[in-house]
Amino acid sequence: MIRFSLDHYLRDHGLTAYRLVKETEGKVARGSIFAMARGDSVKRIDLENLNHVVAALSALTGEKVSVADLFTGEPEPVSLRTTGAGVPYTDDEETNAVLDDHPDILDRLKRRRERQGAP
């Protein structure tokens, strides 16, 4: 799971949410900074606010800060649903229906091509 971790970044760099509020004053609402700094409470991030936060953190630390520095975790793996033929569904319902109704169709097509001498 991906998590916005401004709280970790601030702690790791000896900064406080209050100091970030002062640095972004007039650009990002005080409440937004404190909400972001609480960690788990962040569900959506305004890109303009994120840009101001990254710029302010760069100024405060004297280091180039990237958006990626404010996130932790990995995306959860996604398993694609597969047709009866064992391949992922396509955007074409007719193709999906054939692949579901004839699970061996891909093997049959492969054998036919081999008989015809196709690669």
PDB file of N, CA and C in Angstrom:
ATOM      1  N   MET A   1       0.848  -1.183   0.000  1.00  0.00           N
ATOM      2  CA  MET A   1       0.000   0.000   0.000  1.00  0.00           C
ATOM      3  C   MET A   1       0.889   1.240   0.000  1.00  0.00           C
ATOM      4  N   ILE A   2       0.529   2.206  -0.802  1.00  0.00           N
ATOM      5  CA  ILE A   2       1.275   3.456  -0.867  1.00  0.00           C
ATOM      6  C   ILE A   2       0.720   4.405   0.189  1.00  0.00           C
ATOM      7  N   ARG A   3       1.618   5.095   0.879  1.00  0.00           N
ATOM      8  CA  ARG A   3       1.220   5.997   1.963  1.00  0.00           C
ATOM      9  C   ARG A   3       1.968   7.309   1.823  1.00  0.00           C
ATOM     10  N   PHE A   4       1.255   8.429   1.984  1.00  0.00           N
ATOM     11  CA  PHE A   4       1.881   9.742   2.014  1.00  0.00           C
ATOM     12  C   PHE A   4       2.547   9.868   3.374  1.00  0.00           C
ATOM     13  N   SER A   5       3.857  10.117   3.390  1.00  0.00           N
ATOM     14  CA  SER A   5       4.594  10.064   4.656  1.00  0.00           C
ATOM     15  C   SER A   5       5.358  11.348   4.956  1.00  0.00           C
ATOM     16  N   LEU A   6       4.672  12.474   4.845  1.00  0.00           N
ATOM     17  CA  LEU A   6       5.285  13.752   5.199  1.00  0.00           C
ATOM     18  C   LEU A   6       5.736  13.729   6.657  1.00  0.00           C
ATOM     19  N   ASP A   7       4.970  13.072   7.508  1.00  0.00           N
ATOM     20  CA  ASP A   7       5.334  12.993   8.923  1.00  0.00           C
ATOM     21  C   ASP A   7       6.709  12.356   9.107  1.00  0.00           C
ATOM     22  N   HIS A   8       6.989  11.279   8.375  1.00  0.00           N
ATOM     23  CA  HIS A   8       8.301  10.629   8.468  1.00  0.00           C
ATOM     24  C   HIS A   8       9.400  11.537   7.934  1.00  0.00           C
ATOM     25  N   TYR A   9       9.114  12.201   6.825  1.00  0.00           N
ATOM     26  CA  TYR A   9      10.121  13.079   6.219  1.00  0.00           C
ATOM     27  C   TYR A   9      10.487  14.206   7.192  1.00  0.00           C
ATOM     28  N   LEU A  10       9.477  14.821   7.791  1.00  0.00           N
ATOM     29  CA  LEU A  10       9.736  15.909   8.743  1.00  0.00           C
ATOM     30  C   LEU A  10      10.571  15.406   9.918  1.00  0.00           C
ATOM     31  N   ARG A  11      10.168  14.283  10.478  1.00  0.00           N
ATOM     32  CA  ARG A  11      10.878  13.718  11.635  1.00  0.00           C
ATOM     33  C   ARG A  11      12.329  13.370  11.265  1.00  0.00           C
ATOM     34  N   ASP A  12      12.515  12.729  10.116  1.00  0.00           N
ATOM     35  CA  ASP A  12      13.857  12.325   9.691  1.00  0.00           C
ATOM     36  C   ASP A  12      14.784  13.502   9.425  1.00  0.00           C
ATOM     37  N   HIS A  13      14.209  14.666   9.146  1.00  0.00           N
ATOM     38  CA  HIS A  13      15.022  15.847   8.831  1.00  0.00           C
ATOM     39  C   HIS A  13      14.976  16.906   9.937  1.00  0.00           C
ATOM     40  N   GLY A  14      14.451  16.530  11.087  1.00  0.00           N
ATOM     41  CA  GLY A  14      14.433  17.440  12.230  1.00  0.00           C
ATOM     42  C   GLY A  14      13.569  18.669  12.022  1.00  0.00           C
ATOM     43  N   LEU A  15      12.502  18.515  11.255  1.00  0.00           N
ATOM     44  CA  LEU A  15      11.597  19.633  10.991  1.00  0.00           C
ATOM     45  C   LEU A  15      10.263  19.408  11.678  1.00  0.00           C
ATOM     46  N   THR A  16       9.493  20.473  11.813  1.00  0.00           N
ATOM     47  CA  THR A  16       8.158  20.366  12.386  1.00  0.00           C
ATOM     48  C   THR A  16       7.135  20.839  11.369  1.00  0.00           C
ATOM     49  N   ALA A  17       5.901  20.416  11.586  1.00  0.00           N
ATOM     50  CA  ALA A  17       4.813  20.875  10.729  1.00  0.00           C
ATOM     51  C   ALA A  17       4.673  22.387  10.848  1.00  0.00           C
ATOM     52  N   TYR A  18       4.875  22.915  12.058  1.00  0.00           N
ATOM     53  CA  TYR A  18       4.773  24.368  12.268  1.00  0.00           C
ATOM     54  C   TYR A  18       5.804  25.112  11.411  1.00  0.00           C
ATOM     55  N   ARG A  19       7.018  24.591  11.340  1.00  0.00           N
ATOM     56  CA  ARG A  19       8.064  25.242  10.527  1.00  0.00           C
ATOM     57  C   ARG A  19       7.681  25.209   9.046  1.00  0.00           C
ATOM     58  N   LEU A  20       7.076  24.111   8.607  1.00  0.00           N
ATOM     59  CA  LEU A  20       6.615  23.990   7.225  1.00  0.00           C
ATOM     60  C   LEU A  20       5.454  24.955   6.958  1.00  0.00           C
ATOM     61  N   VAL A  21       4.576  25.111   7.946  1.00  0.00           N
ATOM     62  CA  VAL A  21       3.473  26.081   7.824  1.00  0.00           C
ATOM     63  C   VAL A  21       4.044  27.477   7.591  1.00  0.00           C
ATOM     64  N   LYS A  22       5.036  27.848   8.368  1.00  0.00           N
ATOM     65  CA  LYS A  22       5.650  29.177   8.230  1.00  0.00           C
ATOM     66  C   LYS A  22       6.301  29.343   6.851  1.00  0.00           C
ATOM     67  N   GLU A  23       6.937  28.291   6.359  1.00  0.00           N
ATOM     68  CA  GLU A  23       7.626  28.364   5.071  1.00  0.00           C
ATOM     69  C   GLU A  23       6.642  28.446   3.899  1.00  0.00           C
ATOM     70  N   THR A  24       5.458  27.866   4.051  1.00  0.00           N
ATOM     71  CA  THR A  24       4.466  27.859   2.972  1.00  0.00           C
ATOM     72  C   THR A  24       3.365  28.885   3.181  1.00  0.00           C
ATOM     73  N   GLU A  25       3.528  29.750   4.159  1.00  0.00           N
ATOM     74  CA  GLU A  25       2.511  30.744   4.499  1.00  0.00           C
ATOM     75  C   GLU A  25       2.077  31.533   3.259  1.00  0.00           C
ATOM     76  N   GLY A  26       0.762  31.617   3.075  1.00  0.00           N
ATOM     77  CA  GLY A  26       0.211  32.327   1.935  1.00  0.00           C
ATOM     78  C   GLY A  26       0.069  31.452   0.697  1.00  0.00           C
ATOM     79  N   LYS A  27       0.619  30.251   0.744  1.00  0.00           N
ATOM     80  CA  LYS A  27       0.546  29.354  -0.413  1.00  0.00           C
ATOM     81  C   LYS A  27      -0.278  28.109  -0.121  1.00  0.00           C
ATOM     82  N   VAL A  28      -0.125  27.583   1.096  1.00  0.00           N
ATOM     83  CA  VAL A  28      -0.857  26.383   1.503  1.00  0.00           C
ATOM     84  C   VAL A  28      -1.520  26.678   2.839  1.00  0.00           C
ATOM     85  N   ALA A  29      -2.775  26.307   2.947  1.00  0.00           N
ATOM     86  CA  ALA A  29      -3.513  26.547   4.194  1.00  0.00           C
ATOM     87  C   ALA A  29      -2.859  25.813   5.359  1.00  0.00           C
ATOM     88  N   ARG A  30      -2.817  26.483   6.486  1.00  0.00           N
ATOM     89  CA  ARG A  30      -2.229  25.928   7.713  1.00  0.00           C
ATOM     90  C   ARG A  30      -2.820  24.552   8.043  1.00  0.00           C
ATOM     91  N   GLY A  31      -4.151  24.451   7.952  1.00  0.00           N
ATOM     92  CA  GLY A  31      -4.833  23.192   8.253  1.00  0.00           C
ATOM     93  C   GLY A  31      -4.428  22.073   7.308  1.00  0.00           C
ATOM     94  N   SER A  32      -4.166  22.424   6.057  1.00  0.00           N
ATOM     95  CA  SER A  32      -3.742  21.414   5.087  1.00  0.00           C
ATOM     96  C   SER A  32      -2.385  20.842   5.449  1.00  0.00           C
ATOM     97  N   ILE A  33      -1.463  21.712   5.866  1.00  0.00           N
ATOM     98  CA  ILE A  33      -0.123  21.245   6.256  1.00  0.00           C
ATOM     99  C   ILE A  33      -0.225  20.330   7.470  1.00  0.00           C
ATOM    100  N   PHE A  34      -0.980  20.749   8.480  1.00  0.00           N
ATOM    101  CA  PHE A  34      -1.100  19.920   9.681  1.00  0.00           C
ATOM    102  C   PHE A  34      -1.785  18.594   9.364  1.00  0.00           C
ATOM    103  N   ALA A  35      -2.778  18.613   8.464  1.00  0.00           N
ATOM    104  CA  ALA A  35      -3.447  17.361   8.069  1.00  0.00           C
ATOM    105  C   ALA A  35      -2.461  16.449   7.354  1.00  0.00           C
ATOM    106  N   MET A  36      -1.656  17.005   6.450  1.00  0.00           N
ATOM    107  CA  MET A  36      -0.662  16.194   5.735  1.00  0.00           C
ATOM    108  C   MET A  36       0.370  15.626   6.700  1.00  0.00           C
ATOM    109  N   ALA A  37       0.735  16.394   7.697  1.00  0.00           N
ATOM    110  CA  ALA A  37       1.764  15.969   8.644  1.00  0.00           C
ATOM    111  C   ALA A  37       1.258  14.900   9.616  1.00  0.00           C
ATOM    112  N   ARG A  38      -0.069  14.750   9.728  1.00  0.00           N
ATOM    113  CA  ARG A  38      -0.613  13.710  10.609  1.00  0.00           C
ATOM    114  C   ARG A  38      -0.426  12.321  10.018  1.00  0.00           C
ATOM    115  N   GLY A  39      -0.163  12.235   8.741  1.00  0.00           N
ATOM    116  CA  GLY A  39       0.142  10.936   8.142  1.00  0.00           C
ATOM    117  C   GLY A  39      -1.039  10.192   7.602  1.00  0.00           C
ATOM    118  N   ASP A  40      -1.582   9.267   8.375  1.00  0.00           N
ATOM    119  CA  ASP A  40      -2.627   8.359   7.888  1.00  0.00           C
ATOM    120  C   ASP A  40      -3.909   9.055   7.465  1.00  0.00           C
ATOM    121  N   SER A  41      -4.092  10.303   7.860  1.00  0.00           N
ATOM    122  CA  SER A  41      -5.343  10.988   7.546  1.00  0.00           C
ATOM    123  C   SER A  41      -5.425  11.454   6.095  1.00  0.00           C
ATOM    124  N   VAL A  42      -4.341  11.370   5.333  1.00  0.00           N
ATOM    125  CA  VAL A  42      -4.321  11.880   3.961  1.00  0.00           C
ATOM    126  C   VAL A  42      -4.929  10.846   3.006  1.00  0.00           C
ATOM    127  N   LYS A  43      -5.997  11.251   2.327  1.00  0.00           N
ATOM    128  CA  LYS A  43      -6.654  10.401   1.335  1.00  0.00           C
ATOM    129  C   LYS A  43      -6.452  10.960  -0.070  1.00  0.00           C
ATOM    130  N   ARG A  44      -6.393  12.283  -0.198  1.00  0.00           N
ATOM    131  CA  ARG A  44      -6.183  12.950  -1.475  1.00  0.00           C
ATOM    132  C   ARG A  44      -5.200  14.087  -1.273  1.00  0.00           C
ATOM    133  N   ILE A  45      -4.416  14.349  -2.323  1.00  0.00           N
ATOM    134  CA  ILE A  45      -3.424  15.417  -2.230  1.00  0.00           C
ATOM    135  C   ILE A  45      -3.617  16.371  -3.398  1.00  0.00           C
ATOM    136  N   ASP A  46      -3.744  17.647  -3.083  1.00  0.00           N
ATOM    137  CA  ASP A  46      -3.836  18.680  -4.101  1.00  0.00           C
ATOM    138  C   ASP A  46      -2.439  18.877  -4.696  1.00  0.00           C
ATOM    139  N   LEU A  47      -2.325  18.770  -6.014  1.00  0.00           N
ATOM    140  CA  LEU A  47      -1.006  18.840  -6.654  1.00  0.00           C
ATOM    141  C   LEU A  47      -0.339  20.201  -6.468  1.00  0.00           C
ATOM    142  N   GLU A  48      -1.118  21.258  -6.458  1.00  0.00           N
ATOM    143  CA  GLU A  48      -0.536  22.584  -6.234  1.00  0.00           C
ATOM    144  C   GLU A  48       0.048  22.674  -4.822  1.00  0.00           C
ATOM    145  N   ASN A  49      -0.687  22.180  -3.844  1.00  0.00           N
ATOM    146  CA  ASN A  49      -0.173  22.167  -2.468  1.00  0.00           C
ATOM    147  C   ASN A  49       1.073  21.297  -2.360  1.00  0.00           C
ATOM    148  N   LEU A  50       1.054  20.143  -3.022  1.00  0.00           N
ATOM    149  CA  LEU A  50       2.203  19.252  -2.992  1.00  0.00           C
ATOM    150  C   LEU A  50       3.433  19.944  -3.580  1.00  0.00           C
ATOM    151  N   ASN A  51       3.239  20.668  -4.661  1.00  0.00           N
ATOM    152  CA  ASN A  51       4.338  21.401  -5.279  1.00  0.00           C
ATOM    153  C   ASN A  51       4.926  22.419  -4.298  1.00  0.00           C
ATOM    154  N   HIS A  52       4.071  23.153  -3.593  1.00  0.00           N
ATOM    155  CA  HIS A  52       4.546  24.137  -2.604  1.00  0.00           C
ATOM    156  C   HIS A  52       5.265  23.461  -1.439  1.00  0.00           C
ATOM    157  N   VAL A  53       4.752  22.327  -1.005  1.00  0.00           N
ATOM    158  CA  VAL A  53       5.380  21.592   0.103  1.00  0.00           C
ATOM    159  C   VAL A  53       6.769  21.116  -0.301  1.00  0.00           C
ATOM    160  N   VAL A  54       6.890  20.539  -1.496  1.00  0.00           N
ATOM    161  CA  VAL A  54       8.183  20.049  -1.966  1.00  0.00           C
ATOM    162  C   VAL A  54       9.175  21.207  -2.084  1.00  0.00           C
ATOM    163  N   ALA A  55       8.727  22.338  -2.635  1.00  0.00           N
ATOM    164  CA  ALA A  55       9.605  23.507  -2.770  1.00  0.00           C
ATOM    165  C   ALA A  55      10.044  24.015  -1.399  1.00  0.00           C
ATOM    166  N   ALA A  56       9.115  24.058  -0.447  1.00  0.00           N
ATOM    167  CA  ALA A  56       9.441  24.530   0.903  1.00  0.00           C
ATOM    168  C   ALA A  56      10.419  23.587   1.592  1.00  0.00           C
ATOM    169  N   LEU A  57      10.208  22.282   1.436  1.00  0.00           N
ATOM    170  CA  LEU A  57      11.116  21.312   2.052  1.00  0.00           C
ATOM    171  C   LEU A  57      12.517  21.420   1.443  1.00  0.00           C
ATOM    172  N   SER A  58      12.579  21.667   0.158  1.00  0.00           N
ATOM    173  CA  SER A  58      13.886  21.859  -0.490  1.00  0.00           C
ATOM    174  C   SER A  58      14.589  23.074   0.099  1.00  0.00           C
ATOM    175  N   ALA A  59      13.851  24.147   0.308  1.00  0.00           N
ATOM    176  CA  ALA A  59      14.430  25.363   0.882  1.00  0.00           C
ATOM    177  C   ALA A  59      14.875  25.127   2.329  1.00  0.00           C
ATOM    178  N   LEU A  60      14.057  24.408   3.085  1.00  0.00           N
ATOM    179  CA  LEU A  60      14.373  24.175   4.500  1.00  0.00           C
ATOM    180  C   LEU A  60      15.554  23.228   4.699  1.00  0.00           C
ATOM    181  N   THR A  61      15.680  22.233   3.835  1.00  0.00           N
ATOM    182  CA  THR A  61      16.750  21.242   4.010  1.00  0.00           C
ATOM    183  C   THR A  61      18.006  21.586   3.214  1.00  0.00           C
ATOM    184  N   GLY A  62      17.847  22.455   2.221  1.00  0.00           N
ATOM    185  CA  GLY A  62      18.987  22.772   1.361  1.00  0.00           C
ATOM    186  C   GLY A  62      19.299  21.631   0.401  1.00  0.00           C
ATOM    187  N   GLU A  63      18.391  20.670   0.296  1.00  0.00           N
ATOM    188  CA  GLU A  63      18.549  19.520  -0.589  1.00  0.00           C
ATOM    189  C   GLU A  63      17.421  19.523  -1.614  1.00  0.00           C
ATOM    190  N   LYS A  64      17.671  18.906  -2.733  1.00  0.00           N
ATOM    191  CA  LYS A  64      16.609  18.750  -3.722  1.00  0.00           C
ATOM    192  C   LYS A  64      15.658  17.672  -3.217  1.00  0.00           C
ATOM    193  N   VAL A  65      14.418  18.041  -3.024  1.00  0.00           N
ATOM    194  CA  VAL A  65      13.405  17.110  -2.533  1.00  0.00           C
ATOM    195  C   VAL A  65      12.516  16.716  -3.700  1.00  0.00           C
ATOM    196  N   SER A  66      12.255  15.439  -3.810  1.00  0.00           N
ATOM    197  CA  SER A  66      11.395  14.912  -4.870  1.00  0.00           C
ATOM    198  C   SER A  66      10.065  14.494  -4.253  1.00  0.00           C
ATOM    199  N   VAL A  67       9.033  14.487  -5.067  1.00  0.00           N
ATOM    200  CA  VAL A  67       7.718  14.026  -4.608  1.00  0.00           C
ATOM    201  C   VAL A  67       7.831  12.607  -4.057  1.00  0.00           C
ATOM    202  N   ALA A  68       8.653  11.783  -4.688  1.00  0.00           N
ATOM    203  CA  ALA A  68       8.822  10.388  -4.259  1.00  0.00           C
ATOM    204  C   ALA A  68       9.362  10.298  -2.839  1.00  0.00           C
ATOM    205  N   ASP A  69      10.076  11.329  -2.373  1.00  0.00           N
ATOM    206  CA  ASP A  69      10.610  11.329  -1.011  1.00  0.00           C
ATOM    207  C   ASP A  69       9.506  11.378   0.039  1.00  0.00           C
ATOM    208  N   LEU A  70       8.307  11.758  -0.379  1.00  0.00           N
ATOM    209  CA  LEU A  70       7.199  11.928   0.567  1.00  0.00           C
ATOM    210  C   LEU A  70       6.223  10.755   0.576  1.00  0.00           C
ATOM    211  N   PHE A  71       6.602   9.686  -0.113  1.00  0.00           N
ATOM    212  CA  PHE A  71       5.738   8.503  -0.159  1.00  0.00           C
ATOM    213  C   PHE A  71       6.523   7.273   0.259  1.00  0.00           C
ATOM    214  N   THR A  72       5.826   6.351   0.910  1.00  0.00           N
ATOM    215  CA  THR A  72       6.429   5.073   1.274  1.00  0.00           C
ATOM    216  C   THR A  72       5.497   3.961   0.806  1.00  0.00           C
ATOM    217  N   GLY A  73       6.044   2.761   0.727  1.00  0.00           N
ATOM    218  CA  GLY A  73       5.240   1.601   0.381  1.00  0.00           C
ATOM    219  C   GLY A  73       5.342   1.246  -1.077  1.00  0.00           C
ATOM    220  N   GLU A  74       4.625   0.220  -1.432  1.00  0.00           N
ATOM    221  CA  GLU A  74       4.587  -0.309  -2.785  1.00  0.00           C
ATOM    222  C   GLU A  74       3.131  -0.472  -3.187  1.00  0.00           C
ATOM    223  N   PRO A  75       2.846  -0.310  -4.480  1.00  0.00           N
ATOM    224  CA  PRO A  75       1.468  -0.580  -4.919  1.00  0.00           C
ATOM    225  C   PRO A  75       1.128  -2.046  -4.675  1.00  0.00           C
ATOM    226  N   GLU A  76      -0.116  -2.292  -4.355  1.00  0.00           N
ATOM    227  CA  GLU A  76      -0.551  -3.667  -4.158  1.00  0.00           C
ATOM    228  C   GLU A  76      -0.616  -4.363  -5.513  1.00  0.00           C
ATOM    229  N   PRO A  77      -0.153  -5.608  -5.590  1.00  0.00           N
ATOM    230  CA  PRO A  77      -0.196  -6.308  -6.877  1.00  0.00           C
ATOM    231  C   PRO A  77      -1.634  -6.509  -7.345  1.00  0.00           C
ATOM    232  N   VAL A  78      -1.796  -6.423  -8.627  1.00  0.00           N
ATOM    233  CA  VAL A  78      -3.116  -6.586  -9.226  1.00  0.00           C
ATOM    234  C   VAL A  78      -3.109  -7.860 -10.060  1.00  0.00           C
ATOM    235  N   SER A  79      -4.109  -8.653  -9.872  1.00  0.00           N
ATOM    236  CA  SER A  79      -4.261  -9.856 -10.691  1.00  0.00           C
ATOM    237  C   SER A  79      -5.345  -9.586 -11.720  1.00  0.00           C
ATOM    238  N   LEU A  80      -4.971  -9.733 -12.981  1.00  0.00           N
ATOM    239  CA  LEU A  80      -5.955  -9.536 -14.032  1.00  0.00           C
ATOM    240  C   LEU A  80      -6.860 -10.752 -14.103  1.00  0.00           C
ATOM    241  N   ARG A  81      -8.120 -10.505 -14.298  1.00  0.00           N
ATOM    242  CA  ARG A  81      -9.047 -11.612 -14.513  1.00  0.00           C
ATOM    243  C   ARG A  81      -8.717 -12.243 -15.845  1.00  0.00           C
ATOM    244  N   THR A  82      -8.794 -13.537 -15.899  1.00  0.00           N
ATOM    245  CA  THR A  82      -8.479 -14.222 -17.144  1.00  0.00           C
ATOM    246  C   THR A  82      -9.695 -14.942 -17.710  1.00  0.00           C
ATOM    247  N   THR A  83      -9.665 -15.105 -19.009  1.00  0.00           N
ATOM    248  CA  THR A  83     -10.738 -15.806 -19.717  1.00  0.00           C
ATOM    249  C   THR A  83     -10.583 -17.308 -19.507  1.00  0.00           C
ATOM    250  N   GLY A  84     -11.532 -18.055 -20.032  1.00  0.00           N
ATOM    251  CA  GLY A  84     -11.453 -19.509 -19.957  1.00  0.00           C
ATOM    252  C   GLY A  84     -10.216 -20.048 -20.658  1.00  0.00           C
ATOM    253  N   ALA A  85      -9.689 -19.275 -21.618  1.00  0.00           N
ATOM    254  CA  ALA A  85      -8.487 -19.699 -22.347  1.00  0.00           C
ATOM    255  C   ALA A  85      -7.211 -19.351 -21.582  1.00  0.00           C
ATOM    256  N   GLY A  86      -7.357 -18.710 -20.423  1.00  0.00           N
ATOM    257  CA  GLY A  86      -6.203 -18.418 -19.587  1.00  0.00           C
ATOM    258  C   GLY A  86      -5.467 -17.134 -19.921  1.00  0.00           C
ATOM    259  N   VAL A  87      -6.049 -16.289 -20.749  1.00  0.00           N
ATOM    260  CA  VAL A  87      -5.427 -15.000 -21.075  1.00  0.00           C
ATOM    261  C   VAL A  87      -6.304 -13.880 -20.521  1.00  0.00           C
ATOM    262  N   PRO A  88      -5.722 -12.696 -20.256  1.00  0.00           N
ATOM    263  CA  PRO A  88      -6.535 -11.593 -19.717  1.00  0.00           C
ATOM    264  C   PRO A  88      -7.656 -11.182 -20.669  1.00  0.00           C
ATOM    265  N   TYR A  89      -8.731 -10.697 -20.078  1.00  0.00           N
ATOM    266  CA  TYR A  89      -9.845 -10.193 -20.880  1.00  0.00           C
ATOM    267  C   TYR A  89      -9.373  -9.018 -21.733  1.00  0.00           C
ATOM    268  N   THR A  90     -10.004  -8.879 -22.908  1.00  0.00           N
ATOM    269  CA  THR A  90      -9.687  -7.786 -23.823  1.00  0.00           C
ATOM    270  C   THR A  90     -10.766  -6.726 -23.711  1.00  0.00           C
ATOM    271  N   ASP A  91     -10.673  -5.685 -24.531  1.00  0.00           N
ATOM    272  CA  ASP A  91     -11.722  -4.655 -24.560  1.00  0.00           C
ATOM    273  C   ASP A  91     -12.854  -5.036 -25.513  1.00  0.00           C
ATOM    274  N   ASP A  92     -12.743  -6.195 -26.147  1.00  0.00           N
ATOM    275  CA  ASP A  92     -13.737  -6.640 -27.115  1.00  0.00           C
ATOM    276  C   ASP A  92     -14.572  -7.769 -26.507  1.00  0.00           C
ATOM    277  N   GLU A  93     -15.856  -7.503 -26.305  1.00  0.00           N
ATOM    278  CA  GLU A  93     -16.727  -8.490 -25.659  1.00  0.00           C
ATOM    279  C   GLU A  93     -16.880  -9.764 -26.487  1.00  0.00           C
ATOM    280  N   GLU A  94     -16.887  -9.624 -27.807  1.00  0.00           N
ATOM    281  CA  GLU A  94     -17.030 -10.813 -28.664  1.00  0.00           C
ATOM    282  C   GLU A  94     -15.803 -11.717 -28.520  1.00  0.00           C
ATOM    283  N   THR A  95     -14.618 -11.123 -28.508  1.00  0.00           N
ATOM    284  CA  THR A  95     -13.393 -11.907 -28.313  1.00  0.00           C
ATOM    285  C   THR A  95     -13.410 -12.586 -26.950  1.00  0.00           C
ATOM    286  N   ASN A  96     -13.813 -11.847 -25.929  1.00  0.00           N
ATOM    287  CA  ASN A  96     -13.881 -12.420 -24.582  1.00  0.00           C
ATOM    288  C   ASN A  96     -14.832 -13.609 -24.540  1.00  0.00           C
ATOM    289  N   ALA A  97     -15.965 -13.480 -25.217  1.00  0.00           N
ATOM    290  CA  ALA A  97     -16.951 -14.562 -25.231  1.00  0.00           C
ATOM    291  C   ALA A  97     -16.370 -15.809 -25.896  1.00  0.00           C
ATOM    292  N   VAL A  98     -15.674 -15.629 -27.018  1.00  0.00           N
ATOM    293  CA  VAL A  98     -15.068 -16.774 -27.706  1.00  0.00           C
ATOM    294  C   VAL A  98     -14.012 -17.427 -26.819  1.00  0.00           C
ATOM    295  N   LEU A  99     -13.166 -16.596 -26.177  1.00  0.00           N
ATOM    296  CA  LEU A  99     -12.115 -17.132 -25.310  1.00  0.00           C
ATOM    297  C   LEU A  99     -12.697 -17.862 -24.100  1.00  0.00           C
ATOM    298  N   ASP A 100     -13.842 -17.397 -23.611  1.00  0.00           N
ATOM    299  CA  ASP A 100     -14.496 -18.070 -22.481  1.00  0.00           C
ATOM    300  C   ASP A 100     -15.190 -19.356 -22.929  1.00  0.00           C
ATOM    301  N   ASP A 101     -15.856 -19.292 -24.076  1.00  0.00           N
ATOM    302  CA  ASP A 101     -16.634 -20.439 -24.548  1.00  0.00           C
ATOM    303  C   ASP A 101     -15.764 -21.564 -25.104  1.00  0.00           C
ATOM    304  N   HIS A 102     -14.568 -21.233 -25.567  1.00  0.00           N
ATOM    305  CA  HIS A 102     -13.677 -22.225 -26.183  1.00  0.00           C
ATOM    306  C   HIS A 102     -12.292 -22.120 -25.546  1.00  0.00           C
ATOM    307  N   PRO A 103     -12.131 -22.632 -24.327  1.00  0.00           N
ATOM    308  CA  PRO A 103     -10.870 -22.467 -23.612  1.00  0.00           C
ATOM    309  C   PRO A 103      -9.654 -23.033 -24.327  1.00  0.00           C
ATOM    310  N   ASP A 104      -9.876 -23.966 -25.273  1.00  0.00           N
ATOM    311  CA  ASP A 104      -8.741 -24.555 -25.979  1.00  0.00           C
ATOM    312  C   ASP A 104      -8.456 -23.876 -27.320  1.00  0.00           C
ATOM    313  N   ILE A 105      -9.125 -22.769 -27.601  1.00  0.00           N
ATOM    314  CA  ILE A 105      -9.023 -22.149 -28.922  1.00  0.00           C
ATOM    315  C   ILE A 105      -7.606 -21.703 -29.271  1.00  0.00           C
ATOM    316  N   LEU A 106      -6.868 -21.204 -28.315  1.00  0.00           N
ATOM    317  CA  LEU A 106      -5.507 -20.745 -28.608  1.00  0.00           C
ATOM    318  C   LEU A 106      -4.599 -21.920 -28.967  1.00  0.00           C
ATOM    319  N   ASP A 107      -4.778 -23.033 -28.276  1.00  0.00           N
ATOM    320  CA  ASP A 107      -4.000 -24.237 -28.613  1.00  0.00           C
ATOM    321  C   ASP A 107      -4.376 -24.741 -30.016  1.00  0.00           C
ATOM    322  N   ARG A 108      -5.665 -24.701 -30.321  1.00  0.00           N
ATOM    323  CA  ARG A 108      -6.111 -25.138 -31.642  1.00  0.00           C
ATOM    324  C   ARG A 108      -5.535 -24.245 -32.737  1.00  0.00           C
ATOM    325  N   LEU A 109      -5.522 -22.947 -32.507  1.00  0.00           N
ATOM    326  CA  LEU A 109      -4.956 -22.016 -33.495  1.00  0.00           C
ATOM    327  C   LEU A 109      -3.459 -22.249 -33.671  1.00  0.00           C
ATOM    328  N   LYS A 110      -2.771 -22.507 -32.590  1.00  0.00           N
ATOM    329  CA  LYS A 110      -1.328 -22.760 -32.656  1.00  0.00           C
ATOM    330  C   LYS A 110      -1.054 -24.028 -33.476  1.00  0.00           C
ATOM    331  N   ARG A 111      -1.806 -25.084 -33.216  1.00  0.00           N
ATOM    332  CA  ARG A 111      -1.619 -26.333 -33.963  1.00  0.00           C
ATOM    333  C   ARG A 111      -1.908 -26.133 -35.447  1.00  0.00           C
ATOM    334  N   ARG A 112      -2.934 -25.349 -35.740  1.00  0.00           N
ATOM    335  CA  ARG A 112      -3.288 -25.082 -37.147  1.00  0.00           C
ATOM    336  C   ARG A 112      -2.150 -24.336 -37.850  1.00  0.00           C
ATOM    337  N   ARG A 113      -1.604 -23.330 -37.193  1.00  0.00           N
ATOM    338  CA  ARG A 113      -0.491 -22.583 -37.774  1.00  0.00           C
ATOM    339  C   ARG A 113       0.721 -23.495 -38.011  1.00  0.00           C
ATOM    340  N   GLU A 114       0.986 -24.356 -37.055  1.00  0.00           N
ATOM    341  CA  GLU A 114       2.119 -25.284 -37.202  1.00  0.00           C
ATOM    342  C   GLU A 114       1.927 -26.216 -38.396  1.00  0.00           C
ATOM    343  N   ARG A 115       0.678 -26.682 -38.596  1.00  0.00           N
ATOM    344  CA  ARG A 115       0.381 -27.552 -39.742  1.00  0.00           C
ATOM    345  C   ARG A 115       0.570 -26.806 -41.066  1.00  0.00           C
ATOM    346  N   GLN A 116       0.272 -25.494 -41.039  1.00  0.00           N
ATOM    347  CA  GLN A 116       0.396 -24.682 -42.256  1.00  0.00           C
ATOM    348  C   GLN A 116       1.824 -24.178 -42.455  1.00  0.00           C
ATOM    349  N   GLY A 117       2.721 -24.451 -41.492  1.00  0.00           N
ATOM    350  CA  GLY A 117       4.095 -24.042 -41.616  1.00  0.00           C
ATOM    351  C   GLY A 117       4.360 -22.605 -41.195  1.00  0.00           C
ATOM    352  N   ALA A 118       3.407 -21.962 -40.537  1.00  0.00           N
ATOM    353  CA  ALA A 118       3.601 -20.578 -40.069  1.00  0.00           C
ATOM    354  C   ALA A 118       4.390 -20.603 -38.758  1.00  0.00           C
ATOM    355  N   PRO A 119       5.159 -19.550 -38.472  1.00  0.00           N
ATOM    356  CA  PRO A 119       5.942 -19.520 -37.215  1.00  0.00           C
ATOM    357  C   PRO A 119       5.089 -19.413 -35.975  1.00  0.00           C
TER     358      PRO A 119
END
